[in-house]
Amino acid sequence: RTHVCSVCLQEGRPFCVVIMGEPSDGKKSYKPLIDRETDPVKNFERWKKKYNHIKEKCKIQRKEAHKPLWQIEKESISRLEQRYSEINISEIVKFSDFPLSKNTLRGLIDAQYRLPTEIQKQTIGLALQGKDVLGAAKTGSGKTLAFVIPALECLYRQQWMAVDGLGVLVISPTRELAYQTFEVLRKVGRYHEFSAGLVIGGKDLKHESACIHRTNILICTPGRLLQHMDQTSLFDTCNLKMLILDEADRILDMGFSETMNAILENLPVQRQTLLFSATQTKSVKDLARLSLKDPQYVWVHDKAMYSTPATLEQNYVVCDLTQKINLLFSFLKSHLKKKSIVFFSSCKEVQYIYRVFCRLRPGIQVLALYGKQQQMKRMDVYNEFVRKKFAVLFATDIAARGLDFPAVNWVLQLDCPEDANTYIHRV
């Protein structure tokens, strides 16, 4: 503390200052009266700087608040589109590295999708830039998400609404694969306001006809789609922006080549097309020539030495024909704490083996999935097998293509597949 000397003050001499304080460590150092941390001047300067920063931030927020929502969305879309040309595949590590809308990113996080696969890295950037894509990757590589994300972003950029009608059309070979794609779309696109529909055989045609014209994203099988094109007067595809062909080789293998040609004739020429296939056959290339314009080719499994996963262990057993059922029963009895899929060549065989094993009671839940089942029953079986930790599914090749069954320990092929491609898709 500082004081003026009282003697000097009385005698009228120049003031001297007496410094009062407690020296520390024997040195002539004194504690200042005002600590730097409590200095009101410096504190005021810090407070003023912080206050001005908050004031400027509030000013910007008030300015943004006066903007209409459509203008804010338009500016956000413009910023995203400017980043499309800067996409570098080598720098993509997470989905957030892509220039995606907030609603899509929120959906990906909620659905536990964080790291993109190779097919997703190479495809999403090209699709966002508006290019046609012909993609080939082995089964289980993540092709579904590679086209679901661009589909959502395509409609988001257009600010698509229910009154705009159909904007994205996804064609799948089987009802189960279409249903699975619909579930992925529902999870990832939950924060968008687009309407989505699932149009497959085995459901009420009148109900579909009444709702189909209000659908923005339509996931369907070829036969049912062509039926609506022929019979539903309100169904219109003139505003279509994106066509997606999932498992195109399987669509053609099932005899839908003429159906696909008829569908393509009813679609607008000016559109973006994404075609995905596990194998590239002559029929797929013919379909690509009809539906794609200057496509970008994405070949992921060319980098792999084999078409099956490297960690897959493959075995075979030689036995008498009369012992096949006994061998299967013994195998399942010794693997009760496992999840298995058993493939058969026909629906009748699946039905017969399923009934036999229900009577034999192997000690594990037995399910059956085949083409002659009613659609709701097939969906129930699919969902139940996905949920179960331990179960065995008897199925035809309807379950071999594109369906995602998590944590399957064993895949048994009780009948030989038709060809090598079918074998690969089964495992």
Foldseek 3Di string as FASTA:
>chain_A
DKDWDPVCVVVVHPTDIDDDADDPPPDPDGDDPDDPVRPPVVVVVVVVVVVVVVVVVVVVVVVVVPDDPVVVLLVLLVVLLVCLVVQDLVPAFWPVVHSADPLLVVLCVQVVGTGAFPLLSVQQSCLLNVAAEEEAAFFPRPVLVSVLRSQVRVCSSVVDALQLFEAEEEEEADLQLLVVSVVSNCRSNVSPDFAEEEFEPLDDPVVCLVCRRRHHYYRYYLVRVVVCVVPRPSHAQANYAEYEYEQVVSNVVVPCLVSVVVVLVRHDLHYHYYYYHNDDDPSNVVVCVSRHDPHDYHYDCVVPPDSADPPDDDDDDDDDPVCLLVVVLVVCLVPQQAEEEEEDADPVVQVVSQVVCVVVCSPAAEEEAEDVDRPVNNVVRLVVQLPDRGHYYYYYLSCQPRDDRPRHDYYHYSDDDPDPVSVSSSD
